[in-house]
Amino acid sequence: MNIKHFVAASATFAVVLAGCSNSGSSDDNKKSSESSNDGQKQELKISAAASLGDVSKELEKEFKKDHKNADVTFNYGGSGALREQIEKGAPADVFMSANTKDVDKLKDENKAHDTYKYAHNQLVLIGDKNSDDASVKDLKGNEKLAIGEVKTVPAGKYAKQYLEDQGLYNLVKDKLVFAKDVKQVLNYVEKGNAQMGFVYETDLYTNNKKTDKVNEIKKADLKKPITYEAGATSDNKLAKEWMDFLKSDKAKDILKDYHFEV
């Protein structure tokens, strides 16, 4: 073999060797990338009614036992306000409402699917912890009655409907103070900014212990039960898995522990 042929053969061998080396490196990088993705966090964004603040955290703990890489974040608020956010493009994978109307509206707009009615609640009238008032009829002078914003807070709509059905709305309409959600109603009564308010029965419990900061006056006798509904609002795989989880016995037991009816 002359020198010219030897140089050409050496160059060819070097190119082949480099190609093999790069191929091996590429495969190694691919395997490394795949390995790192195995433990990669998967985001799940849930828009939830304010009355779900405590129970949702317990549901999250149970869900993550089988979804260890799930990074769950909650956005709390009035159901109507949350629905409007989703309609405007706010990021959300699941919508957990305190009613059926807002979920059904998103479903009609093809912005919710895999819907499920997961719980029921009870509306209650609360008052100052030291008061023995028995009805909104007992409100005096400038005393106030707090309810959620009727257009965006289901509890506010339920309260208004109850007052109208009982023939009491005109009696108290000038005393109404509106709140962004039921948690704020509870806060108003606790702090004395309102002497009475309508909240959900579940709002009276923290860590399964009933609050002593307000007095539960009476349960509101509604014509229709308060039904909570949820739906997936994205194609995120975890959204469908969360919806399936809500149907499980474990999720139902947690909801019962927090005084929801299922």
C-alpha atoms as a PDB file:
ATOM      1  CA  MET A   1       0.000   0.000   0.000  1.00  0.00           C
ATOM      2  CA  ASN A   2       1.481   3.321  -1.059  1.00  0.00           C
ATOM      3  CA  ILE A   3       1.477   6.357   1.185  1.00  0.00           C
ATOM      4  CA  LYS A   4      -1.475   7.990  -0.612  1.00  0.00           C
ATOM      5  CA  HIS A   5      -3.683   4.928  -0.084  1.00  0.00           C
ATOM      6  CA  PHE A   6      -2.556   4.579   3.536  1.00  0.00           C
ATOM      7  CA  VAL A   7      -3.518   8.186   4.348  1.00  0.00           C
ATOM      8  CA  ALA A   8      -6.928   7.811   2.688  1.00  0.00           C
ATOM      9  CA  ALA A   9      -7.663   4.591   4.579  1.00  0.00           C
ATOM     10  CA  SER A  10      -6.602   6.145   7.858  1.00  0.00           C
ATOM     11  CA  ALA A  11      -8.886   9.124   7.293  1.00  0.00           C
ATOM     12  CA  THR A  12     -11.828   6.865   6.475  1.00  0.00           C
ATOM     13  CA  PHE A  13     -11.227   4.785   9.635  1.00  0.00           C
ATOM     14  CA  ALA A  14     -11.085   7.949  11.739  1.00  0.00           C
ATOM     15  CA  VAL A  15     -14.432   9.164  10.367  1.00  0.00           C
ATOM     16  CA  VAL A  16     -16.085   5.806  11.044  1.00  0.00           C
ATOM     17  CA  LEU A  17     -14.635   5.712  14.554  1.00  0.00           C
ATOM     18  CA  ALA A  18     -15.863   9.214  15.279  1.00  0.00           C
ATOM     19  CA  GLY A  19     -19.311   8.328  13.991  1.00  0.00           C
ATOM     20  CA  CYS A  20     -19.483   5.318  16.281  1.00  0.00           C
ATOM     21  CA  SER A  21     -18.311   7.418  19.192  1.00  0.00           C
ATOM     22  CA  ASN A  22     -20.914  10.127  18.531  1.00  0.00           C
ATOM     23  CA  SER A  23     -23.645   7.514  18.129  1.00  0.00           C
ATOM     24  CA  GLY A  24     -22.762   5.991  21.478  1.00  0.00           C
ATOM     25  CA  SER A  25     -22.701   9.411  23.103  1.00  0.00           C
ATOM     26  CA  SER A  26     -26.093  10.243  21.583  1.00  0.00           C
ATOM     27  CA  ASP A  27     -27.565   6.999  22.898  1.00  0.00           C
ATOM     28  CA  ASP A  28     -26.106   7.680  26.334  1.00  0.00           C
ATOM     29  CA  ASN A  29     -27.559  11.196  26.356  1.00  0.00           C
ATOM     30  CA  LYS A  30     -30.943   9.864  25.282  1.00  0.00           C
ATOM     31  CA  LYS A  31     -30.913   7.257  28.045  1.00  0.00           C
ATOM     32  CA  SER A  32     -29.839   9.894  30.550  1.00  0.00           C
ATOM     33  CA  SER A  33     -32.646  12.187  29.425  1.00  0.00           C
ATOM     34  CA  GLU A  34     -35.201   9.389  29.619  1.00  0.00           C
ATOM     35  CA  SER A  35     -33.942   8.471  33.087  1.00  0.00           C
ATOM     36  CA  SER A  36     -34.260  12.047  34.342  1.00  0.00           C
ATOM     37  CA  ASN A  37     -37.789  12.324  32.910  1.00  0.00           C
ATOM     38  CA  ASP A  38     -38.849   9.319  34.975  1.00  0.00           C
ATOM     39  CA  GLY A  39     -38.656  11.451  38.124  1.00  0.00           C
ATOM     40  CA  GLN A  40     -39.829  14.680  36.528  1.00  0.00           C
ATOM     41  CA  LYS A  41     -42.589  16.581  38.311  1.00  0.00           C
ATOM     42  CA  GLN A  42     -45.973  16.604  36.589  1.00  0.00           C
ATOM     43  CA  GLU A  43     -48.095  19.683  37.210  1.00  0.00           C
ATOM     44  CA  LEU A  44     -51.786  19.532  38.069  1.00  0.00           C
ATOM     45  CA  LYS A  45     -53.577  22.869  38.466  1.00  0.00           C
ATOM     46  CA  ILE A  46     -56.938  22.730  40.251  1.00  0.00           C
ATOM     47  CA  SER A  47     -59.391  25.616  40.536  1.00  0.00           C
ATOM     48  CA  ALA A  48     -61.477  24.858  43.629  1.00  0.00           C
ATOM     49  CA  ALA A  49     -64.357  26.488  45.470  1.00  0.00           C
ATOM     50  CA  ALA A  50     -63.252  28.289  48.632  1.00  0.00           C
ATOM     51  CA  SER A  51     -65.256  25.877  50.792  1.00  0.00           C
ATOM     52  CA  LEU A  52     -62.870  23.093  49.714  1.00  0.00           C
ATOM     53  CA  GLY A  53     -59.799  24.718  51.254  1.00  0.00           C
ATOM     54  CA  ASP A  54     -59.213  22.119  53.971  1.00  0.00           C
ATOM     55  CA  VAL A  55     -60.538  18.935  52.397  1.00  0.00           C
ATOM     56  CA  SER A  56     -58.686  19.532  49.125  1.00  0.00           C
ATOM     57  CA  LYS A  57     -55.333  19.361  50.910  1.00  0.00           C
ATOM     58  CA  GLU A  58     -56.282  16.016  52.420  1.00  0.00           C
ATOM     59  CA  LEU A  59     -57.414  14.772  49.005  1.00  0.00           C
ATOM     60  CA  GLU A  60     -54.071  15.883  47.581  1.00  0.00           C
ATOM     61  CA  LYS A  61     -52.134  13.850  50.162  1.00  0.00           C
ATOM     62  CA  GLU A  62     -54.079  10.702  49.315  1.00  0.00           C
ATOM     63  CA  PHE A  63     -53.802  11.283  45.552  1.00  0.00           C
ATOM     64  CA  LYS A  64     -50.021  11.705  45.737  1.00  0.00           C
ATOM     65  CA  LYS A  65     -49.596   8.296  47.353  1.00  0.00           C
ATOM     66  CA  ASP A  66     -50.117   6.826  43.876  1.00  0.00           C
ATOM     67  CA  HIS A  67     -48.843   9.879  41.972  1.00  0.00           C
ATOM     68  CA  LYS A  68     -45.579  10.710  43.714  1.00  0.00           C
ATOM     69  CA  ASN A  69     -44.354  13.006  40.945  1.00  0.00           C
ATOM     70  CA  ALA A  70     -47.551  15.067  40.863  1.00  0.00           C
ATOM     71  CA  ASP A  71     -47.083  18.745  41.717  1.00  0.00           C
ATOM     72  CA  VAL A  72     -50.608  19.843  42.682  1.00  0.00           C
ATOM     73  CA  THR A  73     -51.487  23.526  43.067  1.00  0.00           C
ATOM     74  CA  PHE A  74     -54.869  24.988  44.017  1.00  0.00           C
ATOM     75  CA  ASN A  75     -56.527  28.237  43.033  1.00  0.00           C
ATOM     76  CA  TYR A  76     -59.402  28.982  45.439  1.00  0.00           C
ATOM     77  CA  GLY A  77     -62.320  31.336  44.970  1.00  0.00           C
ATOM     78  CA  GLY A  78     -66.022  31.653  44.280  1.00  0.00           C
ATOM     79  CA  SER A  79     -67.156  29.052  41.757  1.00  0.00           C
ATOM     80  CA  GLY A  80     -68.573  31.616  39.348  1.00  0.00           C
ATOM     81  CA  ALA A  81     -65.394  33.691  39.444  1.00  0.00           C
ATOM     82  CA  LEU A  82     -63.254  30.598  38.835  1.00  0.00           C
ATOM     83  CA  ARG A  83     -65.432  29.573  35.908  1.00  0.00           C
ATOM     84  CA  GLU A  84     -65.036  33.032  34.372  1.00  0.00           C
ATOM     85  CA  GLN A  85     -61.249  32.764  34.781  1.00  0.00           C
ATOM     86  CA  ILE A  86     -61.228  29.441  32.932  1.00  0.00           C
ATOM     87  CA  GLU A  87     -63.416  30.864  30.172  1.00  0.00           C
ATOM     88  CA  LYS A  88     -60.864  33.643  29.709  1.00  0.00           C
ATOM     89  CA  GLY A  89     -57.990  31.166  29.376  1.00  0.00           C
ATOM     90  CA  ALA A  90     -56.622  30.931  32.916  1.00  0.00           C
ATOM     91  CA  PRO A  91     -54.552  27.733  33.318  1.00  0.00           C
ATOM     92  CA  ALA A  92     -56.571  24.995  35.015  1.00  0.00           C
ATOM     93  CA  ASP A  93     -56.637  21.230  34.605  1.00  0.00           C
ATOM     94  CA  VAL A  94     -59.565  20.548  36.948  1.00  0.00           C
ATOM     95  CA  PHE A  95     -62.461  22.695  38.151  1.00  0.00           C
ATOM     96  CA  MET A  96     -64.045  21.709  41.481  1.00  0.00           C
ATOM     97  CA  SER A  97     -67.197  23.766  41.875  1.00  0.00           C
ATOM     98  CA  ALA A  98     -69.609  24.221  44.767  1.00  0.00           C
ATOM     99  CA  ASN A  99     -72.524  23.895  42.355  1.00  0.00           C
ATOM    100  CA  THR A 100     -73.430  22.215  39.061  1.00  0.00           C
ATOM    101  CA  LYS A 101     -74.322  25.298  37.026  1.00  0.00           C
ATOM    102  CA  ASP A 102     -70.782  26.575  36.480  1.00  0.00           C
ATOM    103  CA  VAL A 103     -69.360  23.181  35.505  1.00  0.00           C
ATOM    104  CA  ASP A 104     -72.279  22.511  33.183  1.00  0.00           C
ATOM    105  CA  LYS A 105     -71.742  25.892  31.517  1.00  0.00           C
ATOM    106  CA  LEU A 106     -68.099  25.032  30.806  1.00  0.00           C
ATOM    107  CA  LYS A 107     -69.175  21.636  29.503  1.00  0.00           C
ATOM    108  CA  ASP A 108     -71.635  23.294  27.119  1.00  0.00           C
ATOM    109  CA  GLU A 109     -68.747  25.452  25.881  1.00  0.00           C
ATOM    110  CA  ASN A 110     -66.564  22.336  25.392  1.00  0.00           C
ATOM    111  CA  LYS A 111     -64.235  23.568  28.133  1.00  0.00           C
ATOM    112  CA  ALA A 112     -64.953  20.765  30.626  1.00  0.00           C
ATOM    113  CA  HIS A 113     -65.247  17.000  30.318  1.00  0.00           C
ATOM    114  CA  ASP A 114     -65.346  13.870  32.490  1.00  0.00           C
ATOM    115  CA  THR A 115     -67.652  15.727  34.873  1.00  0.00           C
ATOM    116  CA  TYR A 116     -68.752  14.184  38.164  1.00  0.00           C
ATOM    117  CA  LYS A 117     -71.035  15.228  41.029  1.00  0.00           C
ATOM    118  CA  TYR A 118     -68.789  14.415  43.958  1.00  0.00           C
ATOM    119  CA  ALA A 119     -70.431  15.853  47.116  1.00  0.00           C
ATOM    120  CA  HIS A 120     -73.330  17.640  48.811  1.00  0.00           C
ATOM    121  CA  ASN A 121     -73.298  20.359  51.447  1.00  0.00           C
ATOM    122  CA  GLN A 122     -75.674  22.211  53.776  1.00  0.00           C
ATOM    123  CA  LEU A 123     -76.249  25.966  54.044  1.00  0.00           C
ATOM    124  CA  VAL A 124     -76.352  27.290  57.614  1.00  0.00           C
ATOM    125  CA  LEU A 125     -77.081  30.634  59.242  1.00  0.00           C
ATOM    126  CA  ILE A 126     -74.392  31.672  61.715  1.00  0.00           C
ATOM    127  CA  GLY A 127     -74.172  34.510  64.222  1.00  0.00           C
ATOM    128  CA  ASP A 128     -72.041  36.075  66.914  1.00  0.00           C
ATOM    129  CA  LYS A 129     -70.812  33.428  69.345  1.00  0.00           C
ATOM    130  CA  ASN A 130     -72.336  35.285  72.328  1.00  0.00           C
ATOM    131  CA  SER A 131     -75.685  35.964  70.701  1.00  0.00           C
ATOM    132  CA  ASP A 132     -78.872  33.986  71.226  1.00  0.00           C
ATOM    133  CA  ASP A 133     -80.609  35.336  68.098  1.00  0.00           C
ATOM    134  CA  ALA A 134     -82.694  32.684  66.338  1.00  0.00           C
ATOM    135  CA  SER A 135     -83.435  34.265  62.942  1.00  0.00           C
ATOM    136  CA  VAL A 136     -82.472  37.058  60.558  1.00  0.00           C
ATOM    137  CA  LYS A 137     -85.639  38.699  61.878  1.00  0.00           C
ATOM    138  CA  ASP A 138     -83.673  39.408  65.054  1.00  0.00           C
ATOM    139  CA  LEU A 139     -81.199  41.733  63.312  1.00  0.00           C
ATOM    140  CA  LYS A 140     -81.441  45.205  64.808  1.00  0.00           C
ATOM    141  CA  GLY A 141     -80.639  48.741  63.669  1.00  0.00           C
ATOM    142  CA  ASN A 142     -77.448  48.838  61.643  1.00  0.00           C
ATOM    143  CA  GLU A 143     -76.586  45.169  62.171  1.00  0.00           C
ATOM    144  CA  LYS A 144     -75.463  43.326  59.020  1.00  0.00           C
ATOM    145  CA  LEU A 145     -76.097  39.993  57.307  1.00  0.00           C
ATOM    146  CA  ALA A 146     -73.190  38.660  55.221  1.00  0.00           C
ATOM    147  CA  ILE A 147     -73.673  36.468  52.160  1.00  0.00           C
ATOM    148  CA  GLY A 148     -71.516  35.603  49.162  1.00  0.00           C
ATOM    149  CA  GLU A 149     -71.730  37.634  45.977  1.00  0.00           C
ATOM    150  CA  VAL A 150     -74.846  36.261  44.319  1.00  0.00           C
ATOM    151  CA  LYS A 151     -73.418  36.236  40.769  1.00  0.00           C
ATOM    152  CA  THR A 152     -70.142  34.487  41.558  1.00  0.00           C
ATOM    153  CA  VAL A 153     -70.571  32.612  44.853  1.00  0.00           C
ATOM    154  CA  PRO A 154     -73.021  29.672  44.873  1.00  0.00           C
ATOM    155  CA  ALA A 155     -73.567  30.036  48.640  1.00  0.00           C
ATOM    156  CA  GLY A 156     -74.654  33.615  48.035  1.00  0.00           C
ATOM    157  CA  LYS A 157     -77.178  32.510  45.439  1.00  0.00           C
ATOM    158  CA  TYR A 158     -78.460  29.770  47.749  1.00  0.00           C
ATOM    159  CA  ALA A 159     -78.789  32.287  50.592  1.00  0.00           C
ATOM    160  CA  LYS A 160     -80.720  34.782  48.460  1.00  0.00           C
ATOM    161  CA  GLN A 161     -83.026  32.043  47.204  1.00  0.00           C
ATOM    162  CA  TYR A 162     -83.652  30.838  50.748  1.00  0.00           C
ATOM    163  CA  LEU A 163     -84.455  34.350  51.991  1.00  0.00           C
ATOM    164  CA  GLU A 164     -86.854  34.880  49.081  1.00  0.00           C
ATOM    165  CA  ASP A 165     -88.556  31.520  49.641  1.00  0.00           C
ATOM    166  CA  GLN A 166     -89.031  32.382  53.322  1.00  0.00           C
ATOM    167  CA  GLY A 167     -90.377  35.848  52.524  1.00  0.00           C
ATOM    168  CA  LEU A 168     -87.434  37.445  54.330  1.00  0.00           C
ATOM    169  CA  TYR A 169     -85.401  39.024  51.535  1.00  0.00           C
ATOM    170  CA  ASN A 170     -87.106  42.423  51.505  1.00  0.00           C
ATOM    171  CA  LEU A 171     -86.788  42.535  55.297  1.00  0.00           C
ATOM    172  CA  VAL A 172     -82.971  42.195  55.214  1.00  0.00           C
ATOM    173  CA  LYS A 173     -81.883  43.439  51.777  1.00  0.00           C
ATOM    174  CA  ASP A 174     -80.702  46.772  53.219  1.00  0.00           C
ATOM    175  CA  LYS A 175     -78.609  44.915  55.794  1.00  0.00           C
ATOM    176  CA  LEU A 176     -76.750  42.704  53.311  1.00  0.00           C
ATOM    177  CA  VAL A 177     -72.959  42.731  53.084  1.00  0.00           C
ATOM    178  CA  PHE A 178     -71.507  40.802  50.137  1.00  0.00           C
ATOM    179  CA  ALA A 179     -68.322  38.728  50.282  1.00  0.00           C
ATOM    180  CA  LYS A 180     -66.073  37.235  47.603  1.00  0.00           C
ATOM    181  CA  ASP A 181     -66.517  33.715  49.028  1.00  0.00           C
ATOM    182  CA  VAL A 182     -67.881  31.819  52.034  1.00  0.00           C
ATOM    183  CA  LYS A 183     -64.587  32.011  53.905  1.00  0.00           C
ATOM    184  CA  GLN A 184     -64.863  35.777  53.869  1.00  0.00           C
ATOM    185  CA  VAL A 185     -68.458  35.562  55.150  1.00  0.00           C
ATOM    186  CA  LEU A 186     -67.224  33.452  58.062  1.00  0.00           C
ATOM    187  CA  ASN A 187     -64.458  35.971  58.720  1.00  0.00           C
ATOM    188  CA  TYR A 188     -66.919  38.872  58.702  1.00  0.00           C
ATOM    189  CA  VAL A 189     -69.027  37.225  61.409  1.00  0.00           C
ATOM    190  CA  GLU A 190     -66.000  36.124  63.465  1.00  0.00           C
ATOM    191  CA  LYS A 191     -64.609  39.677  63.453  1.00  0.00           C
ATOM    192  CA  GLY A 192     -67.965  41.366  64.103  1.00  0.00           C
ATOM    193  CA  ASN A 193     -68.146  43.079  60.714  1.00  0.00           C
ATOM    194  CA  ALA A 194     -71.484  41.310  60.297  1.00  0.00           C
ATOM    195  CA  GLN A 195     -73.719  39.946  63.019  1.00  0.00           C
ATOM    196  CA  MET A 196     -75.004  37.039  60.928  1.00  0.00           C
ATOM    197  CA  GLY A 197     -74.063  35.241  57.748  1.00  0.00           C
ATOM    198  CA  PHE A 198     -74.784  32.249  55.541  1.00  0.00           C
ATOM    199  CA  VAL A 199     -71.976  29.711  55.069  1.00  0.00           C
ATOM    200  CA  TYR A 200     -71.690  26.001  54.369  1.00  0.00           C
ATOM    201  CA  GLU A 201     -71.861  23.617  57.286  1.00  0.00           C
ATOM    202  CA  THR A 202     -68.400  22.312  56.355  1.00  0.00           C
ATOM    203  CA  ASP A 203     -66.944  25.804  56.860  1.00  0.00           C
ATOM    204  CA  LEU A 204     -67.583  25.480  60.577  1.00  0.00           C
ATOM    205  CA  TYR A 205     -64.941  22.756  60.925  1.00  0.00           C
ATOM    206  CA  THR A 206     -61.154  22.987  60.970  1.00  0.00           C
ATOM    207  CA  ASN A 207     -59.103  19.818  61.450  1.00  0.00           C
ATOM    208  CA  ASN A 208     -62.387  18.032  62.128  1.00  0.00           C
ATOM    209  CA  LYS A 209     -63.098  20.327  65.081  1.00  0.00           C
ATOM    210  CA  LYS A 210     -66.091  22.633  65.086  1.00  0.00           C
ATOM    211  CA  THR A 211     -65.283  26.307  65.522  1.00  0.00           C
ATOM    212  CA  ASP A 212     -66.261  28.098  68.722  1.00  0.00           C
ATOM    213  CA  LYS A 213     -65.796  31.536  67.146  1.00  0.00           C
ATOM    214  CA  VAL A 214     -69.359  31.720  65.810  1.00  0.00           C
ATOM    215  CA  ASN A 215     -72.734  30.311  66.746  1.00  0.00           C
ATOM    216  CA  GLU A 216     -74.595  28.006  64.357  1.00  0.00           C
ATOM    217  CA  ILE A 217     -78.132  29.399  64.478  1.00  0.00           C
ATOM    218  CA  LYS A 218     -79.989  27.086  62.111  1.00  0.00           C
ATOM    219  CA  LYS A 219     -79.772  25.075  58.929  1.00  0.00           C
ATOM    220  CA  ALA A 220     -81.390  26.610  55.860  1.00  0.00           C
ATOM    221  CA  ASP A 221     -84.166  24.434  54.490  1.00  0.00           C
ATOM    222  CA  LEU A 222     -83.568  24.612  50.729  1.00  0.00           C
ATOM    223  CA  LYS A 223     -85.896  23.259  48.063  1.00  0.00           C
ATOM    224  CA  LYS A 224     -82.997  21.571  46.248  1.00  0.00           C
ATOM    225  CA  PRO A 225     -79.859  19.976  47.734  1.00  0.00           C
ATOM    226  CA  ILE A 226     -76.527  21.744  47.333  1.00  0.00           C
ATOM    227  CA  THR A 227     -74.565  19.624  44.864  1.00  0.00           C
ATOM    228  CA  TYR A 228     -70.838  19.992  44.155  1.00  0.00           C
ATOM    229  CA  GLU A 229     -69.597  19.053  40.678  1.00  0.00           C
ATOM    230  CA  ALA A 230     -66.130  18.793  39.154  1.00  0.00           C
ATOM    231  CA  GLY A 231     -64.745  18.443  35.660  1.00  0.00           C
ATOM    232  CA  ALA A 232     -61.455  18.146  33.815  1.00  0.00           C
ATOM    233  CA  THR A 233     -60.677  21.380  31.980  1.00  0.00           C
ATOM    234  CA  SER A 234     -57.572  20.311  30.064  1.00  0.00           C
ATOM    235  CA  ASP A 235     -56.168  17.216  28.342  1.00  0.00           C
ATOM    236  CA  ASN A 236     -53.587  16.749  31.088  1.00  0.00           C
ATOM    237  CA  LYS A 237     -53.451  13.027  31.898  1.00  0.00           C
ATOM    238  CA  LEU A 238     -53.375  13.838  35.618  1.00  0.00           C
ATOM    239  CA  ALA A 239     -56.676  15.720  35.279  1.00  0.00           C
ATOM    240  CA  LYS A 240     -58.465  12.542  34.169  1.00  0.00           C
ATOM    241  CA  GLU A 241     -56.720  10.598  36.945  1.00  0.00           C
ATOM    242  CA  TRP A 242     -57.835  13.159  39.544  1.00  0.00           C
ATOM    243  CA  MET A 243     -61.423  12.840  38.316  1.00  0.00           C
ATOM    244  CA  ASP A 244     -61.179   9.043  38.603  1.00  0.00           C
ATOM    245  CA  PHE A 245     -59.717   9.474  42.097  1.00  0.00           C
ATOM    246  CA  LEU A 246     -62.721  11.563  43.217  1.00  0.00           C
ATOM    247  CA  LYS A 247     -64.925   8.547  42.472  1.00  0.00           C
ATOM    248  CA  SER A 248     -62.864   6.260  44.700  1.00  0.00           C
ATOM    249  CA  ASP A 249     -63.886   5.066  48.160  1.00  0.00           C
ATOM    250  CA  LYS A 250     -60.778   6.723  49.612  1.00  0.00           C
ATOM    251  CA  ALA A 251     -61.791  10.144  48.293  1.00  0.00           C
ATOM    252  CA  LYS A 252     -65.374   9.662  49.481  1.00  0.00           C
ATOM    253  CA  ASP A 253     -64.186   8.731  52.967  1.00  0.00           C
ATOM    254  CA  ILE A 254     -62.083  11.900  53.133  1.00  0.00           C
ATOM    255  CA  LEU A 255     -65.035  14.036  52.050  1.00  0.00           C
ATOM    256  CA  LYS A 256     -67.176  12.422  54.744  1.00  0.00           C
ATOM    257  CA  ASP A 257     -64.484  13.108  57.343  1.00  0.00           C
ATOM    258  CA  TYR A 258     -64.768  16.789  56.459  1.00  0.00           C
ATOM    259  CA  HIS A 259     -68.552  16.687  56.876  1.00  0.00           C
ATOM    260  CA  PHE A 260     -69.529  16.591  53.227  1.00  0.00           C
ATOM    261  CA  GLU A 261     -72.270  14.244  52.116  1.00  0.00           C
ATOM    262  CA  VAL A 262     -71.382  11.843  49.290  1.00  0.00           C
END
